Amino acid sequence: MTIIGLWFGGFQALMPVIGYLLGVRFQSRITAIDHWIAFVL
């Protein structure tokens, strides 16, 4: 149970950080429609 929890929990924690770092690069260009992007995704 712990092994499975660590795999899934670890990746669920890592992926938003990677997405955040990617998103920050484009943030200034997309600020006007960011709420629509969040809504659609």
PDB file of all heavy atoms in Angstrom:
ATOM      1  N   MET A   1       0.840  -1.203   0.000  1.00  0.00           N
ATOM      2  CA  MET A   1       0.000   0.000   0.000  1.00  0.00           C
ATOM      3  C   MET A   1       0.878   1.257   0.000  1.00  0.00           C
ATOM      4  O   MET A   1       0.593   2.225  -0.712  1.00  0.00           O
ATOM      5  CB  MET A   1      -0.942  -0.008   1.212  1.00  0.00           C
ATOM      6  CG  MET A   1      -2.009  -1.088   1.136  1.00  0.00           C
ATOM      7  SD  MET A   1      -2.895  -1.412   2.695  1.00  0.00           S
ATOM      8  CE  MET A   1      -3.356   0.199   3.229  1.00  0.00           C
ATOM      9  N   THR A   2       1.965   1.223   0.777  1.00  0.00           N
ATOM     10  CA  THR A   2       2.877   2.362   0.864  1.00  0.00           C
ATOM     11  C   THR A   2       3.611   2.577  -0.454  1.00  0.00           C
ATOM     12  O   THR A   2       3.760   3.718  -0.913  1.00  0.00           O
ATOM     13  CB  THR A   2       3.880   2.175   2.019  1.00  0.00           C
ATOM     14  OG1 THR A   2       3.147   2.000   3.233  1.00  0.00           O
ATOM     15  CG2 THR A   2       4.804   3.367   2.153  1.00  0.00           C
ATOM     16  N   ILE A   3       4.072   1.506  -1.077  1.00  0.00           N
ATOM     17  CA  ILE A   3       4.767   1.625  -2.366  1.00  0.00           C
ATOM     18  C   ILE A   3       3.853   2.285  -3.400  1.00  0.00           C
ATOM     19  O   ILE A   3       4.251   3.222  -4.102  1.00  0.00           O
ATOM     20  CB  ILE A   3       5.250   0.240  -2.858  1.00  0.00           C
ATOM     21  CG1 ILE A   3       6.407  -0.256  -1.996  1.00  0.00           C
ATOM     22  CG2 ILE A   3       5.656   0.287  -4.333  1.00  0.00           C
ATOM     23  CD1 ILE A   3       6.787  -1.716  -2.221  1.00  0.00           C
ATOM     24  N   ILE A   4       2.631   1.817  -3.492  1.00  0.00           N
ATOM     25  CA  ILE A   4       1.686   2.386  -4.465  1.00  0.00           C
ATOM     26  C   ILE A   4       1.380   3.834  -4.110  1.00  0.00           C
ATOM     27  O   ILE A   4       1.355   4.711  -4.983  1.00  0.00           O
ATOM     28  CB  ILE A   4       0.415   1.512  -4.529  1.00  0.00           C
ATOM     29  CG1 ILE A   4       0.768   0.169  -5.188  1.00  0.00           C
ATOM     30  CG2 ILE A   4      -0.705   2.218  -5.285  1.00  0.00           C
ATOM     31  CD1 ILE A   4      -0.299  -0.894  -5.087  1.00  0.00           C
ATOM     32  N   GLY A   5       1.181   4.114  -2.835  1.00  0.00           N
ATOM     33  CA  GLY A   5       0.932   5.490  -2.398  1.00  0.00           C
ATOM     34  C   GLY A   5       2.082   6.421  -2.735  1.00  0.00           C
ATOM     35  O   GLY A   5       1.872   7.557  -3.175  1.00  0.00           O
ATOM     36  N   LEU A   6       3.310   5.949  -2.533  1.00  0.00           N
ATOM     37  CA  LEU A   6       4.480   6.781  -2.846  1.00  0.00           C
ATOM     38  C   LEU A   6       4.607   7.045  -4.343  1.00  0.00           C
ATOM     39  O   LEU A   6       4.925   8.174  -4.759  1.00  0.00           O
ATOM     40  CB  LEU A   6       5.755   6.120  -2.313  1.00  0.00           C
ATOM     41  CG  LEU A   6       5.946   6.185  -0.802  1.00  0.00           C
ATOM     42  CD1 LEU A   6       7.135   5.314  -0.370  1.00  0.00           C
ATOM     43  CD2 LEU A   6       6.134   7.622  -0.334  1.00  0.00           C
ATOM     44  N   TRP A   7       4.400   6.031  -5.164  1.00  0.00           N
ATOM     45  CA  TRP A   7       4.465   6.229  -6.611  1.00  0.00           C
ATOM     46  C   TRP A   7       3.432   7.264  -7.066  1.00  0.00           C
ATOM     47  O   TRP A   7       3.769   8.242  -7.732  1.00  0.00           O
ATOM     48  CB  TRP A   7       4.224   4.912  -7.363  1.00  0.00           C
ATOM     49  CG  TRP A   7       5.460   4.109  -7.606  1.00  0.00           C
ATOM     50  CD1 TRP A   7       5.854   3.005  -6.926  1.00  0.00           C
ATOM     51  CD2 TRP A   7       6.464   4.348  -8.595  1.00  0.00           C
ATOM     52  NE1 TRP A   7       7.040   2.531  -7.439  1.00  0.00           N
ATOM     53  CE2 TRP A   7       7.433   3.335  -8.468  1.00  0.00           C
ATOM     54  CE3 TRP A   7       6.638   5.316  -9.588  1.00  0.00           C
ATOM     55  CZ2 TRP A   7       8.561   3.272  -9.284  1.00  0.00           C
ATOM     56  CZ3 TRP A   7       7.751   5.236 -10.409  1.00  0.00           C
ATOM     57  CH2 TRP A   7       8.694   4.234 -10.250  1.00  0.00           C
ATOM     58  N   PHE A   8       2.177   7.017  -6.713  1.00  0.00           N
ATOM     59  CA  PHE A   8       1.113   7.905  -7.187  1.00  0.00           C
ATOM     60  C   PHE A   8       1.186   9.280  -6.531  1.00  0.00           C
ATOM     61  O   PHE A   8       1.056  10.301  -7.199  1.00  0.00           O
ATOM     62  CB  PHE A   8      -0.257   7.270  -6.972  1.00  0.00           C
ATOM     63  CG  PHE A   8      -0.503   6.061  -7.831  1.00  0.00           C
ATOM     64  CD1 PHE A   8      -1.394   5.083  -7.427  1.00  0.00           C
ATOM     65  CD2 PHE A   8       0.134   5.878  -9.041  1.00  0.00           C
ATOM     66  CE1 PHE A   8      -1.640   3.964  -8.214  1.00  0.00           C
ATOM     67  CE2 PHE A   8      -0.097   4.772  -9.842  1.00  0.00           C
ATOM     68  CZ  PHE A   8      -0.988   3.803  -9.420  1.00  0.00           C
ATOM     69  N   GLY A   9       1.407   9.319  -5.228  1.00  0.00           N
ATOM     70  CA  GLY A   9       1.505  10.599  -4.525  1.00  0.00           C
ATOM     71  C   GLY A   9       2.700  11.410  -4.988  1.00  0.00           C
ATOM     72  O   GLY A   9       2.618  12.623  -5.172  1.00  0.00           O
ATOM     73  N   GLY A  10       3.830  10.723  -5.195  1.00  0.00           N
ATOM     74  CA  GLY A  10       5.034  11.417  -5.658  1.00  0.00           C
ATOM     75  C   GLY A  10       4.850  12.055  -7.026  1.00  0.00           C
ATOM     76  O   GLY A  10       5.208  13.217  -7.246  1.00  0.00           O
ATOM     77  N   PHE A  11       4.272  11.311  -7.944  1.00  0.00           N
ATOM     78  CA  PHE A  11       4.070  11.863  -9.287  1.00  0.00           C
ATOM     79  C   PHE A  11       2.976  12.932  -9.296  1.00  0.00           C
ATOM     80  O   PHE A  11       3.077  13.915 -10.034  1.00  0.00           O
ATOM     81  CB  PHE A  11       3.771  10.757 -10.301  1.00  0.00           C
ATOM     82  CG  PHE A  11       5.022  10.221 -10.932  1.00  0.00           C
ATOM     83  CD1 PHE A  11       5.806   9.292 -10.255  1.00  0.00           C
ATOM     84  CD2 PHE A  11       5.451  10.659 -12.166  1.00  0.00           C
ATOM     85  CE1 PHE A  11       6.980   8.808 -10.807  1.00  0.00           C
ATOM     86  CE2 PHE A  11       6.621  10.185 -12.739  1.00  0.00           C
ATOM     87  CZ  PHE A  11       7.391   9.250 -12.049  1.00  0.00           C
ATOM     88  N   GLN A  12       1.949  12.754  -8.470  1.00  0.00           N
ATOM     89  CA  GLN A  12       0.897  13.780  -8.401  1.00  0.00           C
ATOM     90  C   GLN A  12       1.449  15.070  -7.808  1.00  0.00           C
ATOM     91  O   GLN A  12       0.936  16.140  -8.091  1.00  0.00           O
ATOM     92  CB  GLN A  12      -0.296  13.291  -7.570  1.00  0.00           C
ATOM     93  CG  GLN A  12      -1.144  12.267  -8.263  1.00  0.00           C
ATOM     94  CD  GLN A  12      -2.088  12.839  -9.298  1.00  0.00           C
ATOM     95  OE1 GLN A  12      -1.935  13.949  -9.786  1.00  0.00           O
ATOM     96  NE2 GLN A  12      -3.087  12.060  -9.654  1.00  0.00           N
ATOM     97  N   ALA A  13       2.470  14.996  -6.985  1.00  0.00           N
ATOM     98  CA  ALA A  13       3.108  16.199  -6.438  1.00  0.00           C
ATOM     99  C   ALA A  13       4.098  16.807  -7.441  1.00  0.00           C
ATOM    100  O   ALA A  13       4.207  18.032  -7.551  1.00  0.00           O
ATOM    101  CB  ALA A  13       3.829  15.867  -5.130  1.00  0.00           C
ATOM    102  N   LEU A  14       4.801  15.957  -8.172  1.00  0.00           N
ATOM    103  CA  LEU A  14       5.814  16.428  -9.120  1.00  0.00           C
ATOM    104  C   LEU A  14       5.205  17.096 -10.359  1.00  0.00           C
ATOM    105  O   LEU A  14       5.681  18.148 -10.806  1.00  0.00           O
ATOM    106  CB  LEU A  14       6.691  15.249  -9.553  1.00  0.00           C
ATOM    107  CG  LEU A  14       7.751  15.525 -10.619  1.00  0.00           C
ATOM    108  CD1 LEU A  14       8.790  16.499 -10.085  1.00  0.00           C
ATOM    109  CD2 LEU A  14       8.399  14.221 -11.063  1.00  0.00           C
ATOM    110  N   MET A  15       4.167  16.511 -10.899  1.00  0.00           N
ATOM    111  CA  MET A  15       3.611  17.003 -12.163  1.00  0.00           C
ATOM    112  C   MET A  15       3.067  18.440 -12.098  1.00  0.00           C
ATOM    113  O   MET A  15       3.295  19.211 -13.037  1.00  0.00           O
ATOM    114  CB  MET A  15       2.546  16.051 -12.691  1.00  0.00           C
ATOM    115  CG  MET A  15       3.132  14.720 -13.132  1.00  0.00           C
ATOM    116  SD  MET A  15       4.343  14.903 -14.445  1.00  0.00           S
ATOM    117  CE  MET A  15       3.774  13.663 -15.555  1.00  0.00           C
ATOM    118  N   PRO A  16       2.369  18.852 -11.036  1.00  0.00           N
ATOM    119  CA  PRO A  16       1.934  20.247 -11.003  1.00  0.00           C
ATOM    120  C   PRO A  16       3.113  21.224 -10.969  1.00  0.00           C
ATOM    121  O   PRO A  16       3.032  22.322 -11.525  1.00  0.00           O
ATOM    122  CB  PRO A  16       1.117  20.362  -9.712  1.00  0.00           C
ATOM    123  CG  PRO A  16       0.775  18.994  -9.327  1.00  0.00           C
ATOM    124  CD  PRO A  16       1.825  18.103  -9.905  1.00  0.00           C
ATOM    125  N   VAL A  17       4.211  20.820 -10.341  1.00  0.00           N
ATOM    126  CA  VAL A  17       5.396  21.677 -10.296  1.00  0.00           C
ATOM    127  C   VAL A  17       5.968  21.840 -11.704  1.00  0.00           C
ATOM    128  O   VAL A  17       6.298  22.956 -12.132  1.00  0.00           O
ATOM    129  CB  VAL A  17       6.453  21.114  -9.321  1.00  0.00           C
ATOM    130  CG1 VAL A  17       7.749  21.903  -9.394  1.00  0.00           C
ATOM    131  CG2 VAL A  17       5.918  21.092  -7.899  1.00  0.00           C
ATOM    132  N   ILE A  18       6.059  20.736 -12.437  1.00  0.00           N
ATOM    133  CA  ILE A  18       6.543  20.803 -13.820  1.00  0.00           C
ATOM    134  C   ILE A  18       5.595  21.666 -14.661  1.00  0.00           C
ATOM    135  O   ILE A  18       6.048  22.536 -15.419  1.00  0.00           O
ATOM    136  CB  ILE A  18       6.683  19.391 -14.423  1.00  0.00           C
ATOM    137  CG1 ILE A  18       7.793  18.617 -13.708  1.00  0.00           C
ATOM    138  CG2 ILE A  18       6.952  19.460 -15.931  1.00  0.00           C
ATOM    139  CD1 ILE A  18       7.853  17.143 -14.056  1.00  0.00           C
ATOM    140  N   GLY A  19       4.295  21.451 -14.522  1.00  0.00           N
ATOM    141  CA  GLY A  19       3.320  22.264 -15.249  1.00  0.00           C
ATOM    142  C   GLY A  19       3.415  23.737 -14.884  1.00  0.00           C
ATOM    143  O   GLY A  19       3.342  24.617 -15.748  1.00  0.00           O
ATOM    144  N   TYR A  20       3.598  24.007 -13.616  1.00  0.00           N
ATOM    145  CA  TYR A  20       3.733  25.385 -13.137  1.00  0.00           C
ATOM    146  C   TYR A  20       4.945  26.062 -13.774  1.00  0.00           C
ATOM    147  O   TYR A  20       4.859  27.190 -14.264  1.00  0.00           O
ATOM    148  CB  TYR A  20       3.861  25.380 -11.614  1.00  0.00           C
ATOM    149  CG  TYR A  20       4.031  26.741 -10.997  1.00  0.00           C
ATOM    150  CD1 TYR A  20       2.920  27.525 -10.716  1.00  0.00           C
ATOM    151  CD2 TYR A  20       5.292  27.242 -10.681  1.00  0.00           C
ATOM    152  CE1 TYR A  20       3.066  28.778 -10.143  1.00  0.00           C
ATOM    153  CE2 TYR A  20       5.447  28.483 -10.115  1.00  0.00           C
ATOM    154  CZ  TYR A  20       4.334  29.254  -9.839  1.00  0.00           C
ATOM    155  OH  TYR A  20       4.485  30.490  -9.278  1.00  0.00           O
ATOM    156  N   LEU A  21       6.074  25.349 -13.772  1.00  0.00           N
ATOM    157  CA  LEU A  21       7.293  25.912 -14.364  1.00  0.00           C
ATOM    158  C   LEU A  21       7.119  26.172 -15.863  1.00  0.00           C
ATOM    159  O   LEU A  21       7.619  27.173 -16.382  1.00  0.00           O
ATOM    160  CB  LEU A  21       8.481  24.986 -14.109  1.00  0.00           C
ATOM    161  CG  LEU A  21       8.884  24.841 -12.635  1.00  0.00           C
ATOM    162  CD1 LEU A  21       9.974  23.780 -12.472  1.00  0.00           C
ATOM    163  CD2 LEU A  21       9.323  26.172 -12.053  1.00  0.00           C
ATOM    164  N   LEU A  22       6.403  25.306 -16.547  1.00  0.00           N
ATOM    165  CA  LEU A  22       6.105  25.537 -17.969  1.00  0.00           C
ATOM    166  C   LEU A  22       5.161  26.732 -18.137  1.00  0.00           C
ATOM    167  O   LEU A  22       5.364  27.573 -19.009  1.00  0.00           O
ATOM    168  CB  LEU A  22       5.476  24.292 -18.598  1.00  0.00           C
ATOM    169  CG  LEU A  22       6.375  23.077 -18.763  1.00  0.00           C
ATOM    170  CD1 LEU A  22       5.563  21.870 -19.195  1.00  0.00           C
ATOM    171  CD2 LEU A  22       7.486  23.376 -19.761  1.00  0.00           C
ATOM    172  N   GLY A  23       4.146  26.783 -17.298  1.00  0.00           N
ATOM    173  CA  GLY A  23       3.156  27.856 -17.394  1.00  0.00           C
ATOM    174  C   GLY A  23       3.721  29.226 -17.087  1.00  0.00           C
ATOM    175  O   GLY A  23       3.331  30.225 -17.701  1.00  0.00           O
ATOM    176  N   VAL A  24       4.647  29.308 -16.141  1.00  0.00           N
ATOM    177  CA  VAL A  24       5.260  30.586 -15.772  1.00  0.00           C
ATOM    178  C   VAL A  24       5.976  31.203 -16.969  1.00  0.00           C
ATOM    179  O   VAL A  24       5.984  32.421 -17.143  1.00  0.00           O
ATOM    180  CB  VAL A  24       6.225  30.398 -14.571  1.00  0.00           C
ATOM    181  CG1 VAL A  24       7.133  31.590 -14.391  1.00  0.00           C
ATOM    182  CG2 VAL A  24       5.446  30.135 -13.310  1.00  0.00           C
ATOM    183  N   ARG A  25       6.519  30.367 -17.811  1.00  0.00           N
ATOM    184  CA  ARG A  25       7.240  30.870 -18.992  1.00  0.00           C
ATOM    185  C   ARG A  25       6.315  31.621 -19.954  1.00  0.00           C
ATOM    186  O   ARG A  25       6.752  32.489 -20.694  1.00  0.00           O
ATOM    187  CB  ARG A  25       7.913  29.721 -19.730  1.00  0.00           C
ATOM    188  CG  ARG A  25       8.949  29.025 -18.854  1.00  0.00           C
ATOM    189  CD  ARG A  25       9.726  28.092 -19.646  1.00  0.00           C
ATOM    190  NE  ARG A  25      10.655  28.905 -20.436  1.00  0.00           N
ATOM    191  CZ  ARG A  25      11.656  28.437 -21.103  1.00  0.00           C
ATOM    192  NH1 ARG A  25      11.876  27.152 -21.107  1.00  0.00           N
ATOM    193  NH2 ARG A  25      12.446  29.220 -21.783  1.00  0.00           N
ATOM    194  N   PHE A  26       5.021  31.248 -19.950  1.00  0.00           N
ATOM    195  CA  PHE A  26       4.068  31.848 -20.880  1.00  0.00           C
ATOM    196  C   PHE A  26       3.069  32.779 -20.195  1.00  0.00           C
ATOM    197  O   PHE A  26       2.211  33.344 -20.855  1.00  0.00           O
ATOM    198  CB  PHE A  26       3.295  30.743 -21.615  1.00  0.00           C
ATOM    199  CG  PHE A  26       4.191  29.784 -22.329  1.00  0.00           C
ATOM    200  CD1 PHE A  26       4.404  28.509 -21.826  1.00  0.00           C
ATOM    201  CD2 PHE A  26       4.856  30.161 -23.484  1.00  0.00           C
ATOM    202  CE1 PHE A  26       5.245  27.615 -22.467  1.00  0.00           C
ATOM    203  CE2 PHE A  26       5.706  29.280 -24.136  1.00  0.00           C
ATOM    204  CZ  PHE A  26       5.900  28.005 -23.627  1.00  0.00           C
ATOM    205  N   GLN A  27       3.200  32.928 -18.892  1.00  0.00           N
ATOM    206  CA  GLN A  27       2.220  33.674 -18.114  1.00  0.00           C
ATOM    207  C   GLN A  27       2.003  35.100 -18.619  1.00  0.00           C
ATOM    208  O   GLN A  27       0.867  35.532 -18.778  1.00  0.00           O
ATOM    209  CB  GLN A  27       2.646  33.706 -16.648  1.00  0.00           C
ATOM    210  CG  GLN A  27       1.679  34.446 -15.755  1.00  0.00           C
ATOM    211  CD  GLN A  27       2.169  34.473 -14.317  1.00  0.00           C
ATOM    212  OE1 GLN A  27       3.314  34.139 -14.026  1.00  0.00           O
ATOM    213  NE2 GLN A  27       1.300  34.868 -13.433  1.00  0.00           N
ATOM    214  N   SER A  28       3.052  35.814 -18.912  1.00  0.00           N
ATOM    215  CA  SER A  28       2.917  37.213 -19.316  1.00  0.00           C
ATOM    216  C   SER A  28       2.181  37.360 -20.645  1.00  0.00           C
ATOM    217  O   SER A  28       1.509  38.358 -20.886  1.00  0.00           O
ATOM    218  CB  SER A  28       4.293  37.876 -19.410  1.00  0.00           C
ATOM    219  OG  SER A  28       5.073  37.232 -20.394  1.00  0.00           O
ATOM    220  N   ARG A  29       2.254  36.355 -21.484  1.00  0.00           N
ATOM    221  CA  ARG A  29       1.596  36.414 -22.787  1.00  0.00           C
ATOM    222  C   ARG A  29       0.119  36.025 -22.727  1.00  0.00           C
ATOM    223  O   ARG A  29      -0.637  36.346 -23.634  1.00  0.00           O
ATOM    224  CB  ARG A  29       2.302  35.482 -23.767  1.00  0.00           C
ATOM    225  CG  ARG A  29       3.732  35.878 -24.008  1.00  0.00           C
ATOM    226  CD  ARG A  29       4.392  34.934 -24.984  1.00  0.00           C
ATOM    227  NE  ARG A  29       5.831  35.110 -24.881  1.00  0.00           N
ATOM    228  CZ  ARG A  29       6.699  34.143 -24.872  1.00  0.00           C
ATOM    229  NH1 ARG A  29       6.309  32.898 -24.999  1.00  0.00           N
ATOM    230  NH2 ARG A  29       7.975  34.383 -24.757  1.00  0.00           N
ATOM    231  N   ILE A  30      -0.286  35.334 -21.672  1.00  0.00           N
ATOM    232  CA  ILE A  30      -1.628  34.764 -21.643  1.00  0.00           C
ATOM    233  C   ILE A  30      -2.476  35.284 -20.478  1.00  0.00           C
ATOM    234  O   ILE A  30      -3.587  34.823 -20.272  1.00  0.00           O
ATOM    235  CB  ILE A  30      -1.541  33.219 -21.561  1.00  0.00           C
ATOM    236  CG1 ILE A  30      -0.538  32.678 -22.549  1.00  0.00           C
ATOM    237  CG2 ILE A  30      -2.877  32.589 -21.840  1.00  0.00           C
ATOM    238  CD1 ILE A  30      -0.326  31.192 -22.443  1.00  0.00           C
ATOM    239  N   THR A  31      -2.009  36.240 -19.728  1.00  0.00           N
ATOM    240  CA  THR A  31      -2.703  36.697 -18.528  1.00  0.00           C
ATOM    241  C   THR A  31      -4.154  37.092 -18.795  1.00  0.00           C
ATOM    242  O   THR A  31      -5.029  36.837 -17.967  1.00  0.00           O
ATOM    243  CB  THR A  31      -1.942  37.879 -17.892  1.00  0.00           C
ATOM    244  OG1 THR A  31      -0.589  37.476 -17.664  1.00  0.00           O
ATOM    245  CG2 THR A  31      -2.566  38.292 -16.582  1.00  0.00           C
ATOM    246  N   ALA A  32      -4.443  37.680 -19.925  1.00  0.00           N
ATOM    247  CA  ALA A  32      -5.810  38.145 -20.215  1.00  0.00           C
ATOM    248  C   ALA A  32      -6.811  36.993 -20.352  1.00  0.00           C
ATOM    249  O   ALA A  32      -8.005  37.189 -20.119  1.00  0.00           O
ATOM    250  CB  ALA A  32      -5.810  38.974 -21.493  1.00  0.00           C
ATOM    251  N   ILE A  33      -6.329  35.806 -20.695  1.00  0.00           N
ATOM    252  CA  ILE A  33      -7.258  34.684 -20.874  1.00  0.00           C
ATOM    253  C   ILE A  33      -6.966  33.512 -19.945  1.00  0.00           C
ATOM    254  O   ILE A  33      -7.472  32.409 -20.140  1.00  0.00           O
ATOM    255  CB  ILE A  33      -7.248  34.196 -22.342  1.00  0.00           C
ATOM    256  CG1 ILE A  33      -5.840  33.759 -22.759  1.00  0.00           C
ATOM    257  CG2 ILE A  33      -7.803  35.242 -23.279  1.00  0.00           C
ATOM    258  CD1 ILE A  33      -5.798  33.000 -24.067  1.00  0.00           C
ATOM    259  N   ASP A  34      -6.158  33.757 -18.894  1.00  0.00           N
ATOM    260  CA  ASP A  34      -5.748  32.668 -18.014  1.00  0.00           C
ATOM    261  C   ASP A  34      -6.924  31.937 -17.371  1.00  0.00           C
ATOM    262  O   ASP A  34      -6.906  30.717 -17.233  1.00  0.00           O
ATOM    263  CB  ASP A  34      -4.785  33.163 -16.937  1.00  0.00           C
ATOM    264  CG  ASP A  34      -5.362  34.272 -16.077  1.00  0.00           C
ATOM    265  OD1 ASP A  34      -6.526  34.671 -16.268  1.00  0.00           O
ATOM    266  OD2 ASP A  34      -4.619  34.741 -15.192  1.00  0.00           O
ATOM    267  N   HIS A  35      -7.969  32.666 -16.998  1.00  0.00           N
ATOM    268  CA  HIS A  35      -9.139  32.039 -16.372  1.00  0.00           C
ATOM    269  C   HIS A  35      -9.858  31.113 -17.353  1.00  0.00           C
ATOM    270  O   HIS A  35     -10.386  30.081 -16.963  1.00  0.00           O
ATOM    271  CB  HIS A  35     -10.082  33.103 -15.817  1.00  0.00           C
ATOM    272  CG  HIS A  35     -10.472  34.137 -16.817  1.00  0.00           C
ATOM    273  ND1 HIS A  35      -9.598  35.116 -17.253  1.00  0.00           N
ATOM    274  CD2 HIS A  35     -11.614  34.322 -17.494  1.00  0.00           C
ATOM    275  CE1 HIS A  35     -10.207  35.874 -18.151  1.00  0.00           C
ATOM    276  NE2 HIS A  35     -11.432  35.414 -18.319  1.00  0.00           N
ATOM    277  N   TRP A  36      -9.858  31.478 -18.628  1.00  0.00           N
ATOM    278  CA  TRP A  36     -10.475  30.617 -19.637  1.00  0.00           C
ATOM    279  C   TRP A  36      -9.647  29.359 -19.840  1.00  0.00           C
ATOM    280  O   TRP A  36     -10.186  28.264 -20.036  1.00  0.00           O
ATOM    281  CB  TRP A  36     -10.639  31.368 -20.958  1.00  0.00           C
ATOM    282  CG  TRP A  36     -11.717  32.404 -20.898  1.00  0.00           C
ATOM    283  CD1 TRP A  36     -11.553  33.746 -20.783  1.00  0.00           C
ATOM    284  CD2 TRP A  36     -13.133  32.164 -20.908  1.00  0.00           C
ATOM    285  NE1 TRP A  36     -12.779  34.363 -20.730  1.00  0.00           N
ATOM    286  CE2 TRP A  36     -13.772  33.418 -20.810  1.00  0.00           C
ATOM    287  CE3 TRP A  36     -13.919  31.026 -20.993  1.00  0.00           C
ATOM    288  CZ2 TRP A  36     -15.145  33.550 -20.790  1.00  0.00           C
ATOM    289  CZ3 TRP A  36     -15.299  31.165 -20.984  1.00  0.00           C
ATOM    290  CH2 TRP A  36     -15.896  32.418 -20.881  1.00  0.00           C
ATOM    291  N   ILE A  37      -8.319  29.492 -19.790  1.00  0.00           N
ATOM    292  CA  ILE A  37      -7.442  28.333 -19.922  1.00  0.00           C
ATOM    293  C   ILE A  37      -7.684  27.361 -18.769  1.00  0.00           C
ATOM    294  O   ILE A  37      -7.832  26.153 -18.978  1.00  0.00           O
ATOM    295  CB  ILE A  37      -5.958  28.760 -19.991  1.00  0.00           C
ATOM    296  CG1 ILE A  37      -5.702  29.526 -21.295  1.00  0.00           C
ATOM    297  CG2 ILE A  37      -5.026  27.554 -19.860  1.00  0.00           C
ATOM    298  CD1 ILE A  37      -4.341  30.187 -21.373  1.00  0.00           C
ATOM    299  N   ALA A  38      -7.734  27.890 -17.545  1.00  0.00           N
ATOM    300  CA  ALA A  38      -7.997  27.044 -16.373  1.00  0.00           C
ATOM    301  C   ALA A  38      -9.352  26.354 -16.514  1.00  0.00           C
ATOM    302  O   ALA A  38      -9.481  25.147 -16.258  1.00  0.00           O
ATOM    303  CB  ALA A  38      -7.956  27.879 -15.099  1.00  0.00           C
ATOM    304  N   PHE A  39     -10.360  27.102 -16.929  1.00  0.00           N
ATOM    305  CA  PHE A  39     -11.703  26.563 -17.107  1.00  0.00           C
ATOM    306  C   PHE A  39     -11.718  25.428 -18.135  1.00  0.00           C
ATOM    307  O   PHE A  39     -12.257  24.344 -17.885  1.00  0.00           O
ATOM    308  CB  PHE A  39     -12.652  27.694 -17.530  1.00  0.00           C
ATOM    309  CG  PHE A  39     -14.013  27.240 -17.971  1.00  0.00           C
ATOM    310  CD1 PHE A  39     -14.923  26.731 -17.061  1.00  0.00           C
ATOM    311  CD2 PHE A  39     -14.385  27.322 -19.307  1.00  0.00           C
ATOM    312  CE1 PHE A  39     -16.181  26.308 -17.467  1.00  0.00           C
ATOM    313  CE2 PHE A  39     -15.641  26.915 -19.725  1.00  0.00           C
ATOM    314  CZ  PHE A  39     -16.543  26.395 -18.803  1.00  0.00           C
ATOM    315  N   VAL A  40     -11.098  25.658 -19.283  1.00  0.00           N
ATOM    316  CA  VAL A  40     -11.090  24.663 -20.360  1.00  0.00           C
ATOM    317  C   VAL A  40     -10.290  23.424 -19.952  1.00  0.00           C
ATOM    318  O   VAL A  40     -10.750  22.284 -20.132  1.00  0.00           O
ATOM    319  CB  VAL A  40     -10.548  25.274 -21.676  1.00  0.00           C
ATOM    320  CG1 VAL A  40     -10.277  24.200 -22.710  1.00  0.00           C
ATOM    321  CG2 VAL A  40     -11.537  26.295 -22.220  1.00  0.00           C
ATOM    322  N   LEU A  41      -9.077  23.619 -19.396  1.00  0.00           N
ATOM    323  CA  LEU A  41      -8.258  22.472 -19.011  1.00  0.00           C
ATOM    324  C   LEU A  41      -8.944  21.618 -17.942  1.00  0.00           C
ATOM    325  O   LEU A  41      -9.020  20.396 -18.075  1.00  0.00           O
ATOM    326  CB  LEU A  41      -6.890  22.928 -18.499  1.00  0.00           C
ATOM    327  CG  LEU A  41      -5.893  23.390 -19.547  1.00  0.00           C
ATOM    328  CD1 LEU A  41      -4.614  23.919 -18.886  1.00  0.00           C
ATOM    329  CD2 LEU A  41      -5.539  22.255 -20.499  1.00  0.00           C
TER     330      LEU A  41
END
